[in-house]
Amino acid sequence: LAQFGWNPFFEAHFSEYSAAGLMPARICSEHKQQYQVYTESGEYPAEVSGKMLYLADARSDFPAVGDWVAVNSPQNGSLVIIHALLPRKSCFSRKIASGRDRRSGGRPAEQVLAANVDTVFLVSGLDREFNLRRIERYLTLVYNSGATPVIVLNKADVCDDVDYCVNEVKAIAFGAPIHLMSAKTQNGLDALRKYLQPGKTAALLGSSGVGKSTIMNALLGYERQRVQVISAQVGKGQHTTTERELIPLSSGGLLIDAPGMRALQLWGSE
């Protein structure tokens, strides 16, 4: 389990579930509350138990990609049942742009985007998508999540004044590491690989079209995520990733790919 990020923090919270005959698993993908989980014996489809569904007070009480959960032992590759959600070491969430959570009495609903992330790569394009205020909002969210932000300035190959952009970002980065790269030419990619050590989890976040899928493919070494060309009409990238997923890398690290977010709202933050 260590290769999927299991550590003493989660072990300390699992004793009661171990005594009940359950086993730990990590959520690797989720689609409409249908899950895939990694366990020490393999990967299995999963769903939450009826009791867990009944007791949930809000959307955030359900597992998200990256979460550790307690499941029953799989039988002949069958569906496993998620009985409990372990405490999150870090949690990256946002306020849903529209709608309220009926389970929480009508309060604004929280959407957990990724859990138990060590490093968040905040990807920004050095093209017409470059926006300092957006980077600030992402930084605020990541610092509040408990994860460590790393700013990735992509598309350096199309930027006319790289030094100016880097200096502008330094002024609002609060000391967060800044890496300049071109996913298209793969220049600067090695700087990101050092964060992807065995058992460590990173997430790619940023607006649609900033190059997250291209970076993902470059880190994996093969084309897993479909990449679309920049729209000639508006000069913006087109959204390609549609659901969050935890992907093991050959380095031993893990990477969460998440859909881009154009409407980003702060969640419970001073």
Protein backbone atom coordinates (compact mmCIF):
# COMPACT_ATOMS: atom_id res chain seq x y z
CA LEU A 1 0.00 0.00 0.00
CA ALA A 2 2.95 2.34 0.51
CA GLN A 3 3.26 2.81 -3.26
CA PHE A 4 -0.24 4.34 -3.21
CA GLY A 5 0.62 6.76 -0.36
CA TRP A 6 -0.27 4.70 2.73
CA ASN A 7 1.66 6.03 5.73
CA PRO A 8 1.56 6.15 9.57
CA PHE A 9 -1.03 8.98 9.49
CA PHE A 10 -3.63 6.73 7.87
CA GLU A 11 -2.48 3.63 9.74
CA ALA A 12 -3.18 5.38 13.04
CA HIS A 13 -6.81 5.98 12.03
CA PHE A 14 -7.45 2.49 10.68
CA SER A 15 -7.20 0.28 13.77
CA GLU A 16 -10.95 0.23 14.49
CA TYR A 17 -11.71 -0.78 10.90
CA SER A 18 -9.01 -3.43 10.86
CA ALA A 19 -10.57 -4.98 13.97
CA ALA A 20 -13.87 -5.12 12.07
CA GLY A 21 -12.28 -7.16 9.29
CA LEU A 22 -12.10 -4.33 6.76
CA MET A 23 -9.13 -3.43 4.56
CA PRO A 24 -7.75 -0.06 3.36
CA ALA A 25 -8.23 1.13 -0.20
CA ARG A 26 -7.56 4.34 -2.08
CA ILE A 27 -10.02 5.95 -4.48
CA CYS A 28 -8.42 6.15 -7.93
CA SER A 29 -11.42 7.34 -9.96
CA GLU A 30 -15.00 8.45 -9.42
CA HIS A 31 -17.92 8.96 -11.76
CA LYS A 32 -21.38 9.73 -10.35
CA GLN A 33 -20.52 7.98 -7.05
CA GLN A 34 -19.27 4.87 -8.84
CA TYR A 35 -15.67 4.30 -7.79
CA GLN A 36 -12.53 2.39 -8.66
CA VAL A 37 -10.21 1.64 -5.72
CA TYR A 38 -6.64 0.43 -5.28
CA THR A 39 -6.12 -2.24 -2.61
CA GLU A 40 -3.15 -4.39 -1.65
CA SER A 41 -4.65 -7.21 -3.75
CA GLY A 42 -5.53 -5.21 -6.86
CA GLU A 43 -7.96 -2.71 -8.36
CA TYR A 44 -11.73 -3.12 -7.91
CA PRO A 45 -15.01 -1.33 -8.63
CA ALA A 46 -16.65 0.02 -5.47
CA GLU A 47 -19.68 1.83 -4.11
CA VAL A 48 -20.60 3.29 -0.73
CA SER A 49 -22.63 1.26 1.74
CA GLY A 50 -26.27 2.00 2.41
CA LYS A 51 -25.43 3.06 5.96
CA MET A 52 -22.76 5.49 4.78
CA LEU A 53 -25.19 6.90 2.21
CA TYR A 54 -27.84 7.38 4.91
CA LEU A 55 -25.51 9.03 7.44
CA ALA A 56 -23.89 11.48 5.02
CA ASP A 57 -24.78 15.08 5.90
CA ALA A 58 -23.20 16.73 2.86
CA ARG A 59 -21.59 16.00 -0.47
CA SER A 60 -18.16 16.34 1.12
CA ASP A 61 -18.89 13.28 3.30
CA PHE A 62 -18.58 11.05 0.24
CA PRO A 63 -15.20 9.79 -1.00
CA ALA A 64 -13.25 11.78 -3.57
CA VAL A 65 -10.29 10.81 -5.71
CA GLY A 66 -7.25 10.39 -3.45
CA ASP A 67 -9.26 9.46 -0.36
CA TRP A 68 -8.42 6.42 1.78
CA VAL A 69 -11.44 4.33 2.70
CA ALA A 70 -12.27 1.11 4.56
CA VAL A 71 -13.73 -1.64 2.36
CA ASN A 72 -14.73 -5.25 2.74
CA SER A 73 -12.35 -7.89 1.36
CA PRO A 74 -13.04 -8.49 -2.36
CA GLN A 75 -14.45 -11.85 -3.36
CA ASN A 76 -13.54 -13.18 -6.80
CA GLY A 77 -13.06 -9.70 -8.26
CA SER A 78 -16.56 -8.60 -7.28
CA LEU A 79 -17.75 -5.14 -6.30
CA VAL A 80 -16.37 -3.98 -2.94
CA ILE A 81 -18.38 -1.88 -0.49
CA ILE A 82 -16.99 1.32 1.05
CA HIS A 83 -17.94 1.38 4.74
CA ALA A 84 -15.98 4.37 6.03
CA LEU A 85 -13.93 7.38 4.96
CA LEU A 86 -10.59 7.93 6.71
CA PRO A 87 -9.60 11.44 7.88
CA ARG A 88 -8.02 13.51 5.12
CA LYS A 89 -4.44 14.67 5.50
CA SER A 90 -5.17 17.41 2.98
CA CYS A 91 -8.28 18.34 1.08
CA PHE A 92 -8.65 20.52 -1.99
CA SER A 93 -12.23 21.71 -2.38
CA ARG A 94 -14.31 24.48 -3.86
CA LYS A 95 -17.76 25.94 -3.43
CA ILE A 96 -20.03 24.68 -6.18
CA ALA A 97 -20.83 27.57 -8.50
CA SER A 98 -24.58 26.92 -8.42
CA GLY A 99 -26.98 24.97 -6.25
CA ARG A 100 -27.09 24.12 -2.56
CA ASP A 101 -26.68 20.89 -0.68
CA ARG A 102 -30.03 19.59 0.53
CA ARG A 103 -28.30 17.23 2.98
CA SER A 104 -26.67 20.16 4.80
CA GLY A 105 -29.87 22.15 5.28
CA GLY A 106 -29.51 24.27 2.17
CA ARG A 107 -26.01 25.59 2.85
CA PRO A 108 -23.73 26.18 -0.18
CA ALA A 109 -22.39 22.79 -1.28
CA GLU A 110 -18.71 21.92 -1.04
CA GLN A 111 -17.12 19.87 -3.80
CA VAL A 112 -13.98 17.96 -2.83
CA LEU A 113 -11.75 17.97 -5.91
CA ALA A 114 -8.87 15.89 -4.55
CA ALA A 115 -7.81 14.49 -1.19
CA ASN A 116 -4.52 13.56 0.45
CA VAL A 117 -2.46 15.50 -2.08
CA ASP A 118 1.13 16.37 -1.19
CA THR A 119 1.88 18.80 -4.03
CA VAL A 120 -0.45 20.79 -6.29
CA PHE A 121 0.93 21.92 -9.65
CA LEU A 122 -0.84 25.19 -10.44
CA VAL A 123 -0.56 25.36 -14.22
CA SER A 124 -0.89 28.70 -15.97
CA GLY A 125 -0.32 29.36 -19.66
CA LEU A 126 1.99 32.16 -20.79
CA ASP A 127 -0.37 33.01 -23.62
CA ARG A 128 -3.63 34.95 -23.59
CA GLU A 129 -4.76 32.79 -20.65
CA PHE A 130 -2.10 34.33 -18.34
CA ASN A 131 -3.96 35.84 -15.37
CA LEU A 132 -2.33 36.83 -12.07
CA ARG A 133 -5.63 37.10 -10.18
CA ARG A 134 -6.52 33.55 -11.13
CA ILE A 135 -3.15 32.32 -9.89
CA GLU A 136 -3.78 34.15 -6.59
CA ARG A 137 -7.14 32.42 -6.18
CA TYR A 138 -5.60 29.02 -6.83
CA LEU A 139 -2.82 29.74 -4.34
CA THR A 140 -5.36 30.65 -1.67
CA LEU A 141 -7.26 27.41 -2.22
CA VAL A 142 -4.15 25.25 -2.16
CA TYR A 143 -2.69 26.81 0.98
CA ASN A 144 -6.01 26.25 2.74
CA SER A 145 -6.09 22.63 1.57
CA GLY A 146 -2.96 21.63 3.48
CA ALA A 147 -1.06 20.74 0.31
CA THR A 148 2.04 22.48 -1.04
CA PRO A 149 1.59 24.69 -4.15
CA VAL A 150 4.06 24.67 -7.03
CA ILE A 151 3.44 27.21 -9.81
CA VAL A 152 4.04 25.92 -13.33
CA LEU A 153 4.23 28.55 -16.08
CA ASN A 154 3.64 26.61 -19.26
CA LYS A 155 3.91 27.61 -22.94
CA ALA A 156 7.15 29.54 -22.48
CA ASP A 157 7.80 28.87 -26.17
CA VAL A 158 5.00 31.29 -27.20
CA CYS A 159 5.70 34.04 -24.65
CA ASP A 160 7.32 37.28 -25.89
CA ASP A 161 8.54 38.42 -22.45
CA VAL A 162 9.14 35.46 -20.14
CA ASP A 163 11.15 37.42 -17.55
CA TYR A 164 8.36 39.96 -17.10
CA CYS A 165 5.76 37.24 -16.50
CA VAL A 166 7.97 35.36 -14.05
CA ASN A 167 8.67 38.52 -12.05
CA GLU A 168 4.95 39.34 -11.94
CA VAL A 169 4.19 35.89 -10.54
CA LYS A 170 7.03 36.10 -7.99
CA ALA A 171 5.40 39.21 -6.55
CA ILE A 172 2.22 37.29 -5.63
CA ALA A 173 3.64 33.77 -5.07
CA PHE A 174 4.41 34.07 -1.31
CA GLY A 175 7.57 32.02 -1.81
CA ALA A 176 5.93 29.15 -3.68
CA PRO A 177 8.30 27.49 -6.17
CA ILE A 178 7.92 28.69 -9.76
CA HIS A 179 8.90 26.51 -12.70
CA LEU A 180 9.06 27.68 -16.30
CA MET A 181 8.41 25.06 -18.96
CA SER A 182 7.09 24.20 -22.38
CA ALA A 183 5.05 21.01 -22.37
CA LYS A 184 5.06 21.05 -26.17
CA THR A 185 8.87 20.80 -26.34
CA GLN A 186 9.17 19.13 -22.87
CA ASN A 187 11.68 21.73 -21.73
CA GLY A 188 11.58 22.08 -17.92
CA LEU A 189 9.80 18.77 -17.36
CA ASP A 190 12.55 17.33 -15.12
CA ALA A 191 11.89 20.06 -12.54
CA LEU A 192 8.40 18.59 -11.97
CA ARG A 193 9.56 14.98 -11.72
CA LYS A 194 11.48 15.66 -8.51
CA TYR A 195 8.16 16.17 -6.69
CA LEU A 196 6.86 12.78 -7.85
CA GLN A 197 8.76 10.53 -5.47
CA PRO A 198 7.45 7.05 -4.53
CA GLY A 199 4.25 7.24 -2.50
CA LYS A 200 3.86 11.01 -3.05
CA THR A 201 0.75 12.42 -4.67
CA ALA A 202 0.54 15.50 -6.87
CA ALA A 203 -2.39 17.14 -8.63
CA LEU A 204 -2.60 19.17 -11.81
CA LEU A 205 -4.94 22.15 -11.54
CA GLY A 206 -5.60 25.10 -13.77
CA SER A 207 -8.01 26.54 -16.30
CA SER A 208 -9.01 24.72 -19.46
CA GLY A 209 -6.40 24.87 -22.18
CA VAL A 210 -3.33 25.71 -20.08
CA GLY A 211 -1.67 22.41 -21.02
CA LYS A 212 -2.49 20.05 -18.14
CA SER A 213 -3.19 17.09 -20.42
CA THR A 214 0.00 17.71 -22.41
CA ILE A 215 2.01 17.82 -19.17
CA MET A 216 0.27 14.65 -17.98
CA ASN A 217 1.17 12.81 -21.19
CA ALA A 218 4.77 14.02 -20.98
CA LEU A 219 5.15 12.84 -17.37
CA LEU A 220 3.60 9.46 -18.20
CA GLY A 221 5.67 8.99 -21.36
CA TYR A 222 2.65 8.10 -23.48
CA GLU A 223 -0.58 9.74 -24.62
CA ARG A 224 -3.18 8.91 -21.99
CA GLN A 225 -5.12 12.16 -22.06
CA ARG A 226 -6.55 13.43 -25.35
CA VAL A 227 -5.16 16.86 -26.26
CA GLN A 228 -7.13 19.38 -28.31
CA VAL A 229 -5.70 22.24 -30.32
CA ILE A 230 -6.04 25.86 -29.29
CA SER A 231 -9.20 27.47 -30.64
CA ALA A 232 -8.25 29.82 -33.46
CA GLN A 233 -11.38 31.90 -32.89
CA VAL A 234 -10.85 32.83 -29.25
CA GLY A 235 -7.21 31.88 -28.71
CA LYS A 236 -8.11 29.60 -25.79
CA GLY A 237 -7.52 25.95 -25.13
CA GLN A 238 -10.38 23.51 -25.22
CA HIS A 239 -11.31 21.42 -22.21
CA THR A 240 -10.39 17.72 -22.64
CA THR A 241 -10.37 16.05 -19.20
CA THR A 242 -13.87 15.25 -17.94
CA GLU A 243 -13.31 13.44 -14.64
CA ARG A 244 -10.72 13.22 -11.89
CA GLU A 245 -8.37 10.27 -11.78
CA LEU A 246 -5.39 9.07 -9.70
CA ILE A 247 -2.66 7.72 -11.98
CA PRO A 248 0.46 5.82 -10.84
CA LEU A 249 3.72 6.90 -12.50
CA SER A 250 6.78 4.84 -13.33
CA SER A 251 8.73 6.92 -10.78
CA GLY A 252 6.53 5.52 -8.02
CA GLY A 253 4.67 8.79 -7.52
CA LEU A 254 0.99 9.39 -8.19
CA LEU A 255 -0.68 12.13 -10.17
CA ILE A 256 -4.28 13.35 -10.01
CA ASP A 257 -5.60 14.86 -13.22
CA ALA A 258 -8.61 17.14 -12.68
CA PRO A 259 -10.98 18.99 -15.01
CA GLY A 260 -10.15 22.64 -15.58
CA MET A 261 -12.22 25.19 -13.72
CA ARG A 262 -13.16 28.49 -15.31
CA ALA A 263 -15.49 29.65 -12.51
CA LEU A 264 -13.48 29.37 -9.31
CA GLN A 265 -14.97 30.38 -5.98
CA LEU A 266 -13.22 30.50 -2.63
CA TRP A 267 -14.53 28.03 -0.02
CA GLY A 268 -14.69 29.02 3.66
CA SER A 269 -11.60 31.20 3.62
CA GLU A 270 -10.76 34.47 5.31
